[in-house]
N, C-alpha and C. Protein backbone atom coordinates (compact mmCIF):
# COMPACT_ATOMS: atom_id res chain seq x y z
N ILE A 1 12.47 1.25 12.89
CA ILE A 1 11.53 0.27 13.36
C ILE A 1 11.33 -0.83 12.30
N LYS A 2 11.62 -0.51 11.04
CA LYS A 2 11.54 -1.48 9.93
C LYS A 2 10.16 -2.10 9.78
N LEU A 3 9.16 -1.26 9.72
CA LEU A 3 7.79 -1.74 9.61
C LEU A 3 7.54 -2.50 8.32
N SER A 4 8.27 -2.18 7.27
CA SER A 4 8.05 -2.86 5.99
C SER A 4 8.35 -4.36 6.10
N SER A 5 9.24 -4.75 6.98
CA SER A 5 9.55 -6.17 7.20
C SER A 5 8.36 -6.90 7.81
N TYR A 6 7.41 -6.16 8.35
CA TYR A 6 6.27 -6.75 9.04
C TYR A 6 4.96 -6.51 8.28
N GLY A 7 5.07 -6.09 7.02
CA GLY A 7 3.89 -5.97 6.19
C GLY A 7 3.26 -4.59 6.12
N ILE A 8 3.88 -3.60 6.72
CA ILE A 8 3.38 -2.23 6.61
C ILE A 8 4.27 -1.51 5.61
N GLU A 9 3.72 -1.22 4.44
CA GLU A 9 4.49 -0.68 3.33
C GLU A 9 4.53 0.85 3.30
N GLU A 10 3.55 1.49 3.96
CA GLU A 10 3.52 2.95 3.99
C GLU A 10 3.42 3.40 5.45
N ALA A 11 4.41 4.17 5.88
CA ALA A 11 4.39 4.67 7.26
C ALA A 11 5.39 5.79 7.43
N MET A 12 5.12 6.63 8.40
CA MET A 12 6.09 7.65 8.81
C MET A 12 6.01 7.79 10.32
N VAL A 13 7.15 8.10 10.92
CA VAL A 13 7.24 8.28 12.36
C VAL A 13 7.46 9.76 12.62
N LEU A 14 6.56 10.36 13.36
CA LEU A 14 6.64 11.77 13.70
C LEU A 14 7.01 11.89 15.16
N SER A 15 8.09 12.60 15.43
CA SER A 15 8.52 12.85 16.79
C SER A 15 8.54 14.35 17.02
N THR A 16 7.75 14.80 17.98
CA THR A 16 7.74 16.22 18.36
C THR A 16 8.22 16.29 19.80
N CYS A 17 8.16 17.46 20.38
CA CYS A 17 8.66 17.61 21.74
C CYS A 17 7.80 16.88 22.76
N ASP A 18 6.57 16.52 22.41
CA ASP A 18 5.70 15.89 23.40
C ASP A 18 5.04 14.60 22.92
N ARG A 19 5.45 14.07 21.77
CA ARG A 19 4.80 12.86 21.28
C ARG A 19 5.65 12.15 20.24
N VAL A 20 5.36 10.88 20.11
CA VAL A 20 5.86 10.08 19.01
C VAL A 20 4.64 9.43 18.39
N GLU A 21 4.50 9.60 17.09
CA GLU A 21 3.35 9.04 16.39
C GLU A 21 3.82 8.24 15.20
N VAL A 22 3.02 7.26 14.83
CA VAL A 22 3.25 6.53 13.60
C VAL A 22 2.00 6.67 12.75
N GLN A 23 2.14 7.25 11.58
CA GLN A 23 1.05 7.27 10.62
C GLN A 23 1.33 6.16 9.63
N ALA A 24 0.38 5.25 9.47
CA ALA A 24 0.61 4.08 8.62
C ALA A 24 -0.62 3.77 7.79
N VAL A 25 -0.38 3.10 6.69
CA VAL A 25 -1.44 2.64 5.80
C VAL A 25 -1.38 1.12 5.79
N HIS A 26 -2.53 0.48 6.06
CA HIS A 26 -2.60 -0.98 6.06
C HIS A 26 -4.06 -1.36 5.89
N GLU A 27 -4.32 -2.50 5.27
CA GLU A 27 -5.71 -2.91 5.04
C GLU A 27 -6.44 -3.37 6.30
N ASP A 28 -5.70 -3.80 7.32
CA ASP A 28 -6.32 -4.28 8.55
C ASP A 28 -5.82 -3.44 9.72
N GLU A 29 -6.71 -2.61 10.26
CA GLU A 29 -6.34 -1.66 11.31
C GLU A 29 -5.82 -2.36 12.56
N ALA A 30 -6.47 -3.44 12.96
CA ALA A 30 -6.06 -4.14 14.18
C ALA A 30 -4.68 -4.77 14.03
N ILE A 31 -4.43 -5.37 12.88
CA ILE A 31 -3.12 -5.98 12.64
C ILE A 31 -2.04 -4.90 12.61
N ALA A 32 -2.31 -3.81 11.90
CA ALA A 32 -1.33 -2.72 11.82
C ALA A 32 -1.02 -2.14 13.20
N SER A 33 -2.06 -1.93 13.99
CA SER A 33 -1.88 -1.39 15.33
C SER A 33 -1.01 -2.32 16.18
N GLN A 34 -1.27 -3.61 16.10
CA GLN A 34 -0.48 -4.58 16.88
C GLN A 34 0.97 -4.63 16.41
N ILE A 35 1.19 -4.59 15.11
CA ILE A 35 2.56 -4.59 14.57
C ILE A 35 3.32 -3.37 15.08
N ILE A 36 2.68 -2.22 14.99
CA ILE A 36 3.34 -0.97 15.41
C ILE A 36 3.63 -1.00 16.90
N LEU A 37 2.66 -1.43 17.70
CA LEU A 37 2.90 -1.53 19.15
C LEU A 37 4.04 -2.50 19.47
N ASP A 38 4.04 -3.65 18.80
CA ASP A 38 5.11 -4.63 19.02
C ASP A 38 6.47 -4.05 18.66
N ARG A 39 6.56 -3.35 17.55
CA ARG A 39 7.84 -2.78 17.11
C ARG A 39 8.28 -1.66 18.03
N LEU A 40 7.36 -0.79 18.43
CA LEU A 40 7.70 0.28 19.37
C LEU A 40 8.14 -0.31 20.71
N SER A 41 7.43 -1.32 21.14
CA SER A 41 7.76 -2.00 22.39
C SER A 41 9.19 -2.54 22.35
N ALA A 42 9.51 -3.24 21.28
CA ALA A 42 10.86 -3.80 21.14
C ALA A 42 11.91 -2.69 21.07
N TYR A 43 11.57 -1.60 20.41
CA TYR A 43 12.52 -0.49 20.25
C TYR A 43 12.80 0.22 21.57
N CYS A 44 11.75 0.45 22.36
CA CYS A 44 11.93 1.26 23.57
C CYS A 44 12.09 0.43 24.84
N GLY A 45 11.95 -0.88 24.73
CA GLY A 45 12.19 -1.73 25.89
C GLY A 45 11.05 -1.79 26.88
N LEU A 46 9.85 -1.43 26.46
CA LEU A 46 8.67 -1.54 27.31
C LEU A 46 7.85 -2.74 26.84
N SER A 47 7.10 -3.32 27.75
CA SER A 47 6.21 -4.40 27.33
C SER A 47 5.11 -3.80 26.46
N THR A 48 4.56 -4.63 25.61
CA THR A 48 3.47 -4.17 24.74
C THR A 48 2.29 -3.67 25.58
N GLU A 49 1.99 -4.37 26.65
CA GLU A 49 0.86 -3.96 27.51
C GLU A 49 1.13 -2.62 28.19
N GLU A 50 2.36 -2.43 28.65
CA GLU A 50 2.71 -1.16 29.28
C GLU A 50 2.61 -0.03 28.27
N LEU A 51 3.09 -0.27 27.07
CA LEU A 51 3.03 0.73 26.02
C LEU A 51 1.59 1.00 25.59
N ARG A 52 0.77 -0.04 25.53
CA ARG A 52 -0.63 0.11 25.12
C ARG A 52 -1.36 1.08 26.06
N LYS A 53 -1.01 1.09 27.34
CA LYS A 53 -1.65 1.98 28.31
C LYS A 53 -1.33 3.45 28.02
N GLN A 54 -0.26 3.69 27.27
CA GLN A 54 0.19 5.05 27.02
C GLN A 54 -0.07 5.51 25.59
N THR A 55 -0.80 4.71 24.84
CA THR A 55 -1.03 5.04 23.44
C THR A 55 -2.51 4.99 23.08
N TYR A 56 -2.81 5.50 21.92
CA TYR A 56 -4.15 5.35 21.36
C TYR A 56 -4.01 5.21 19.85
N THR A 57 -5.03 4.66 19.26
CA THR A 57 -5.04 4.43 17.82
C THR A 57 -6.25 5.13 17.22
N LEU A 58 -6.00 5.82 16.14
CA LEU A 58 -7.08 6.46 15.39
C LEU A 58 -7.08 5.87 13.98
N ASN A 59 -8.27 5.67 13.44
CA ASN A 59 -8.39 5.08 12.11
C ASN A 59 -9.29 5.94 11.23
N ASN A 60 -9.11 5.75 9.94
CA ASN A 60 -9.99 6.34 8.94
C ASN A 60 -10.13 7.86 9.11
N GLU A 61 -11.37 8.37 9.16
CA GLU A 61 -11.59 9.82 9.21
C GLU A 61 -10.97 10.45 10.46
N LEU A 62 -11.02 9.75 11.57
CA LEU A 62 -10.42 10.30 12.80
C LEU A 62 -8.92 10.45 12.65
N ALA A 63 -8.28 9.52 11.98
CA ALA A 63 -6.83 9.59 11.75
C ALA A 63 -6.50 10.75 10.81
N VAL A 64 -7.30 10.91 9.76
CA VAL A 64 -7.07 12.01 8.81
C VAL A 64 -7.22 13.34 9.53
N ASP A 65 -8.30 13.49 10.29
CA ASP A 65 -8.52 14.72 11.06
C ASP A 65 -7.35 14.99 11.99
N HIS A 66 -6.86 13.96 12.66
CA HIS A 66 -5.74 14.12 13.58
C HIS A 66 -4.48 14.61 12.85
N VAL A 67 -4.16 14.00 11.73
CA VAL A 67 -2.97 14.41 10.96
C VAL A 67 -3.11 15.86 10.54
N PHE A 68 -4.29 16.26 10.09
CA PHE A 68 -4.51 17.66 9.70
C PHE A 68 -4.33 18.59 10.90
N ARG A 69 -4.86 18.20 12.06
CA ARG A 69 -4.75 19.04 13.26
C ARG A 69 -3.30 19.15 13.73
N VAL A 70 -2.57 18.06 13.67
CA VAL A 70 -1.16 18.08 14.08
C VAL A 70 -0.36 18.97 13.14
N ALA A 71 -0.49 18.76 11.84
CA ALA A 71 0.27 19.55 10.86
C ALA A 71 -0.05 21.03 10.97
N SER A 72 -1.29 21.34 11.34
CA SER A 72 -1.73 22.74 11.47
C SER A 72 -1.43 23.34 12.83
N ALA A 73 -0.79 22.59 13.70
CA ALA A 73 -0.44 23.04 15.06
C ALA A 73 -1.67 23.35 15.90
N LEU A 74 -2.76 22.63 15.62
CA LEU A 74 -3.97 22.77 16.43
C LEU A 74 -4.01 21.73 17.53
N ASP A 75 -3.23 20.68 17.40
CA ASP A 75 -3.15 19.62 18.41
C ASP A 75 -1.73 19.61 18.95
N SER A 76 -1.40 20.66 19.67
CA SER A 76 -0.07 20.85 20.22
C SER A 76 -0.17 21.31 21.66
N LEU A 77 0.91 21.17 22.40
CA LEU A 77 0.93 21.72 23.75
C LEU A 77 0.65 23.21 23.71
N VAL A 78 1.18 23.87 22.69
CA VAL A 78 0.95 25.29 22.48
C VAL A 78 0.30 25.43 21.11
N ILE A 79 -0.95 25.88 21.07
CA ILE A 79 -1.65 26.04 19.80
C ILE A 79 -0.87 27.03 18.93
N GLY A 80 -0.63 26.63 17.69
CA GLY A 80 0.13 27.48 16.78
C GLY A 80 1.62 27.27 16.85
N GLU A 81 2.08 26.26 17.59
CA GLU A 81 3.52 25.95 17.72
C GLU A 81 4.16 25.95 16.34
N SER A 82 5.09 26.84 16.13
CA SER A 82 5.65 27.06 14.80
C SER A 82 6.55 25.94 14.31
N HIS A 83 7.02 25.10 15.18
CA HIS A 83 7.96 24.05 14.77
C HIS A 83 7.29 22.76 14.30
N VAL A 84 6.03 22.60 14.61
CA VAL A 84 5.36 21.33 14.34
C VAL A 84 5.31 21.02 12.84
N LEU A 85 4.94 21.97 12.03
CA LEU A 85 4.85 21.72 10.59
C LEU A 85 6.21 21.31 10.04
N GLY A 86 7.27 21.94 10.51
CA GLY A 86 8.61 21.55 10.09
C GLY A 86 8.95 20.13 10.51
N GLN A 87 8.48 19.73 11.69
CA GLN A 87 8.72 18.37 12.16
C GLN A 87 7.95 17.36 11.32
N VAL A 88 6.73 17.72 10.91
CA VAL A 88 5.95 16.85 10.03
C VAL A 88 6.65 16.72 8.69
N LYS A 89 7.13 17.84 8.16
CA LYS A 89 7.85 17.80 6.87
C LYS A 89 9.11 16.95 6.96
N ALA A 90 9.84 17.07 8.05
CA ALA A 90 11.06 16.27 8.23
C ALA A 90 10.73 14.79 8.33
N ALA A 91 9.67 14.44 9.06
CA ALA A 91 9.26 13.04 9.18
C ALA A 91 8.84 12.49 7.83
N PHE A 92 8.13 13.28 7.05
CA PHE A 92 7.70 12.85 5.73
C PHE A 92 8.90 12.65 4.80
N ARG A 93 9.84 13.59 4.85
CA ARG A 93 11.07 13.45 4.03
C ARG A 93 11.81 12.17 4.38
N LEU A 94 11.95 11.91 5.66
CA LEU A 94 12.66 10.71 6.11
C LEU A 94 11.92 9.45 5.64
N ALA A 95 10.61 9.43 5.79
CA ALA A 95 9.83 8.27 5.33
C ALA A 95 10.00 8.09 3.82
N HIS A 96 10.00 9.20 3.10
CA HIS A 96 10.21 9.14 1.65
C HIS A 96 11.60 8.61 1.33
N ASP A 97 12.60 9.07 2.05
CA ASP A 97 13.99 8.64 1.81
C ASP A 97 14.20 7.16 2.03
N VAL A 98 13.41 6.55 2.93
CA VAL A 98 13.55 5.11 3.21
C VAL A 98 12.45 4.30 2.52
N ASN A 99 11.84 4.92 1.49
CA ASN A 99 10.86 4.24 0.64
C ASN A 99 9.64 3.71 1.39
N MET A 100 9.17 4.48 2.37
CA MET A 100 7.97 4.09 3.11
C MET A 100 6.76 4.95 2.73
N VAL A 101 6.92 5.79 1.70
CA VAL A 101 5.81 6.62 1.26
C VAL A 101 5.24 6.04 -0.03
N GLY A 102 3.97 5.71 0.02
CA GLY A 102 3.25 5.24 -1.15
C GLY A 102 2.16 6.24 -1.49
N PRO A 103 1.31 5.90 -2.42
CA PRO A 103 0.31 6.87 -2.88
C PRO A 103 -0.67 7.34 -1.80
N GLU A 104 -1.08 6.45 -0.91
CA GLU A 104 -2.05 6.86 0.11
C GLU A 104 -1.44 7.79 1.15
N LEU A 105 -0.27 7.44 1.68
CA LEU A 105 0.38 8.31 2.66
C LEU A 105 0.78 9.63 2.01
N ASP A 106 1.25 9.57 0.78
CA ASP A 106 1.62 10.79 0.07
C ASP A 106 0.42 11.72 -0.06
N SER A 107 -0.72 11.18 -0.47
CA SER A 107 -1.93 12.00 -0.61
C SER A 107 -2.34 12.61 0.72
N LEU A 108 -2.29 11.80 1.78
CA LEU A 108 -2.67 12.29 3.10
C LEU A 108 -1.77 13.43 3.55
N ILE A 109 -0.48 13.24 3.44
CA ILE A 109 0.45 14.25 3.96
C ILE A 109 0.44 15.50 3.08
N GLN A 110 0.32 15.35 1.78
CA GLN A 110 0.22 16.53 0.91
C GLN A 110 -1.03 17.32 1.24
N ALA A 111 -2.14 16.63 1.49
CA ALA A 111 -3.38 17.32 1.89
C ALA A 111 -3.18 18.01 3.24
N ALA A 112 -2.48 17.36 4.16
CA ALA A 112 -2.21 17.96 5.47
C ALA A 112 -1.37 19.23 5.33
N PHE A 113 -0.41 19.21 4.43
CA PHE A 113 0.40 20.42 4.19
C PHE A 113 -0.49 21.55 3.67
N SER A 114 -1.41 21.23 2.77
CA SER A 114 -2.32 22.26 2.24
C SER A 114 -3.22 22.81 3.33
N VAL A 115 -3.76 21.92 4.15
CA VAL A 115 -4.63 22.35 5.26
C VAL A 115 -3.83 23.23 6.23
N ALA A 116 -2.63 22.80 6.57
CA ALA A 116 -1.80 23.57 7.50
C ALA A 116 -1.50 24.95 6.95
N LYS A 117 -1.17 25.02 5.67
CA LYS A 117 -0.88 26.32 5.05
C LYS A 117 -2.09 27.24 5.16
N ARG A 118 -3.27 26.71 4.89
CA ARG A 118 -4.48 27.53 4.99
C ARG A 118 -4.75 27.95 6.43
N VAL A 119 -4.64 27.02 7.36
CA VAL A 119 -4.90 27.36 8.77
C VAL A 119 -3.94 28.44 9.24
N LEU A 120 -2.67 28.29 8.90
CA LEU A 120 -1.67 29.23 9.39
C LEU A 120 -1.73 30.58 8.68
N SER A 121 -2.23 30.61 7.45
CA SER A 121 -2.28 31.88 6.73
C SER A 121 -3.65 32.57 6.80
N GLU A 122 -4.72 31.81 7.02
CA GLU A 122 -6.06 32.39 6.98
C GLU A 122 -6.71 32.55 8.35
N THR A 123 -6.02 32.14 9.40
CA THR A 123 -6.58 32.29 10.75
C THR A 123 -5.56 32.97 11.64
N ALA A 124 -5.97 33.27 12.85
CA ALA A 124 -5.07 33.90 13.82
C ALA A 124 -4.08 32.91 14.42
N VAL A 125 -4.24 31.62 14.13
CA VAL A 125 -3.33 30.60 14.68
C VAL A 125 -1.89 30.90 14.30
N GLY A 126 -1.66 31.39 13.10
CA GLY A 126 -0.30 31.64 12.63
C GLY A 126 0.29 32.97 13.02
N GLU A 127 -0.44 33.77 13.79
CA GLU A 127 0.06 35.09 14.16
C GLU A 127 1.07 35.03 15.29
N GLY A 128 2.17 35.70 15.11
CA GLY A 128 3.17 35.81 16.16
C GLY A 128 3.98 34.55 16.37
N PRO A 129 5.15 34.71 16.91
CA PRO A 129 6.00 33.55 17.19
C PRO A 129 5.51 32.81 18.43
N VAL A 130 5.13 31.58 18.25
CA VAL A 130 4.63 30.77 19.35
C VAL A 130 5.43 29.48 19.39
N SER A 131 5.96 29.17 20.55
CA SER A 131 6.67 27.90 20.70
C SER A 131 6.66 27.51 22.17
N ILE A 132 6.91 26.25 22.41
CA ILE A 132 7.00 25.78 23.78
C ILE A 132 8.16 26.48 24.48
N ALA A 133 9.23 26.73 23.75
CA ALA A 133 10.38 27.42 24.33
C ALA A 133 9.98 28.82 24.81
N ALA A 134 9.25 29.55 23.99
CA ALA A 134 8.82 30.91 24.37
C ALA A 134 7.89 30.86 25.58
N VAL A 135 6.99 29.88 25.59
CA VAL A 135 6.07 29.73 26.72
C VAL A 135 6.84 29.39 27.99
N ALA A 136 7.86 28.52 27.88
CA ALA A 136 8.66 28.13 29.04
C ALA A 136 9.37 29.34 29.63
N VAL A 137 9.92 30.19 28.79
CA VAL A 137 10.61 31.38 29.28
C VAL A 137 9.62 32.36 29.89
N GLN A 138 8.47 32.53 29.26
CA GLN A 138 7.45 33.42 29.82
C GLN A 138 7.00 32.93 31.18
N LEU A 139 6.80 31.63 31.32
CA LEU A 139 6.41 31.05 32.61
C LEU A 139 7.51 31.27 33.65
N SER A 140 8.76 31.12 33.23
CA SER A 140 9.88 31.37 34.15
C SER A 140 9.87 32.81 34.64
N GLU A 141 9.62 33.73 33.73
CA GLU A 141 9.56 35.15 34.11
C GLU A 141 8.37 35.41 35.03
N ASP A 142 7.25 34.76 34.75
CA ASP A 142 6.07 34.93 35.61
C ASP A 142 6.34 34.43 37.02
N LEU A 143 7.05 33.32 37.14
CA LEU A 143 7.33 32.74 38.45
C LEU A 143 8.48 33.42 39.19
N LEU A 144 9.52 33.81 38.44
CA LEU A 144 10.74 34.30 39.07
C LEU A 144 10.96 35.79 38.95
N GLY A 145 10.21 36.44 38.10
CA GLY A 145 10.44 37.87 37.86
C GLY A 145 11.56 38.05 36.85
N ASP A 146 12.33 39.10 37.04
CA ASP A 146 13.41 39.45 36.11
C ASP A 146 14.45 38.33 36.08
N LEU A 147 14.64 37.73 34.92
CA LEU A 147 15.58 36.61 34.82
C LEU A 147 17.04 37.04 34.90
N LYS A 148 17.29 38.35 34.79
CA LYS A 148 18.66 38.85 34.91
C LYS A 148 19.21 38.59 36.32
N GLN A 149 18.32 38.37 37.26
CA GLN A 149 18.71 38.14 38.65
C GLN A 149 18.95 36.67 38.96
N HIS A 150 18.85 35.81 37.96
CA HIS A 150 18.93 34.37 38.18
C HIS A 150 19.95 33.71 37.25
N THR A 151 20.34 32.51 37.64
CA THR A 151 21.17 31.67 36.78
C THR A 151 20.43 30.35 36.59
N ALA A 152 20.84 29.62 35.59
CA ALA A 152 20.16 28.36 35.32
C ALA A 152 21.12 27.39 34.66
N LEU A 153 20.79 26.14 34.78
CA LEU A 153 21.48 25.09 34.06
C LEU A 153 20.46 24.48 33.13
N LEU A 154 20.74 24.52 31.84
CA LEU A 154 19.85 23.98 30.84
C LEU A 154 20.37 22.60 30.44
N ILE A 155 19.58 21.59 30.72
CA ILE A 155 19.96 20.23 30.35
C ILE A 155 19.09 19.83 29.18
N GLY A 156 19.70 19.51 28.09
CA GLY A 156 18.96 19.13 26.90
C GLY A 156 19.68 19.62 25.68
N SER A 157 19.57 18.84 24.67
CA SER A 157 20.20 19.25 23.43
C SER A 157 19.14 19.20 22.35
N GLY A 158 19.55 19.38 21.17
CA GLY A 158 18.60 19.35 20.08
C GLY A 158 17.97 20.71 19.87
N GLU A 159 17.08 20.74 18.94
CA GLU A 159 16.47 21.99 18.50
C GLU A 159 15.73 22.72 19.62
N MET A 160 14.93 21.99 20.40
CA MET A 160 14.15 22.65 21.45
C MET A 160 15.05 23.17 22.56
N GLY A 161 16.06 22.40 22.95
CA GLY A 161 17.00 22.86 23.96
C GLY A 161 17.72 24.12 23.52
N GLN A 162 18.13 24.16 22.28
CA GLN A 162 18.81 25.35 21.74
C GLN A 162 17.87 26.54 21.72
N LEU A 163 16.62 26.30 21.36
CA LEU A 163 15.66 27.39 21.31
C LEU A 163 15.37 27.94 22.70
N VAL A 164 15.24 27.07 23.69
CA VAL A 164 15.02 27.52 25.07
C VAL A 164 16.22 28.36 25.51
N GLY A 165 17.43 27.89 25.22
CA GLY A 165 18.63 28.64 25.57
C GLY A 165 18.65 30.03 24.93
N LYS A 166 18.27 30.08 23.66
CA LYS A 166 18.23 31.36 22.94
C LYS A 166 17.25 32.33 23.60
N TYR A 167 16.05 31.84 23.93
CA TYR A 167 15.03 32.68 24.57
C TYR A 167 15.45 33.10 25.98
N LEU A 168 16.10 32.20 26.73
CA LEU A 168 16.56 32.56 28.07
C LEU A 168 17.63 33.64 28.01
N LEU A 169 18.56 33.52 27.08
CA LEU A 169 19.59 34.54 26.92
C LEU A 169 18.97 35.87 26.53
N ALA A 170 18.01 35.84 25.61
CA ALA A 170 17.33 37.08 25.19
C ALA A 170 16.57 37.71 26.35
N ALA A 171 16.12 36.90 27.31
CA ALA A 171 15.41 37.42 28.47
C ALA A 171 16.36 37.92 29.55
N GLY A 172 17.67 37.81 29.31
CA GLY A 172 18.65 38.34 30.25
C GLY A 172 19.23 37.36 31.23
N LEU A 173 18.89 36.10 31.13
CA LEU A 173 19.42 35.09 32.06
C LEU A 173 20.92 34.96 31.86
């Protein structure tokens, strides 16, 4: 998206199975929000207004709380989703690799990693393997019964597609 060309010096783009987020640091929230919407709009081919209807912006304490909740897998389709923290780490690494991490974003994400570690180790959120893939297979079994009696075509690639395939095979499909 090349946000640095538009005056945003610290940012990372987080893509999970159900969202795309941009965490950014800028002195003017309204300007930063507009820049990010404009860049996302140009990237995905949607008008800014159409994209605005599908997005929201959080600032200051609300943004910090949100980042902590996402990293801790508390703001996920499946609470405790085990892949989310890895996705946050990958997004942070990528932002670091392209020189978009400065002191403020670094402090925020390092704090989020600490919060996530505590949430996952000190609460029941981290107990057991939980993922959207596991939930999808469980739902399939609930609806269809024994999956050994069925066949399926899995369309999708990437980590989540592979994980769904692994769980479906383990369930006997």
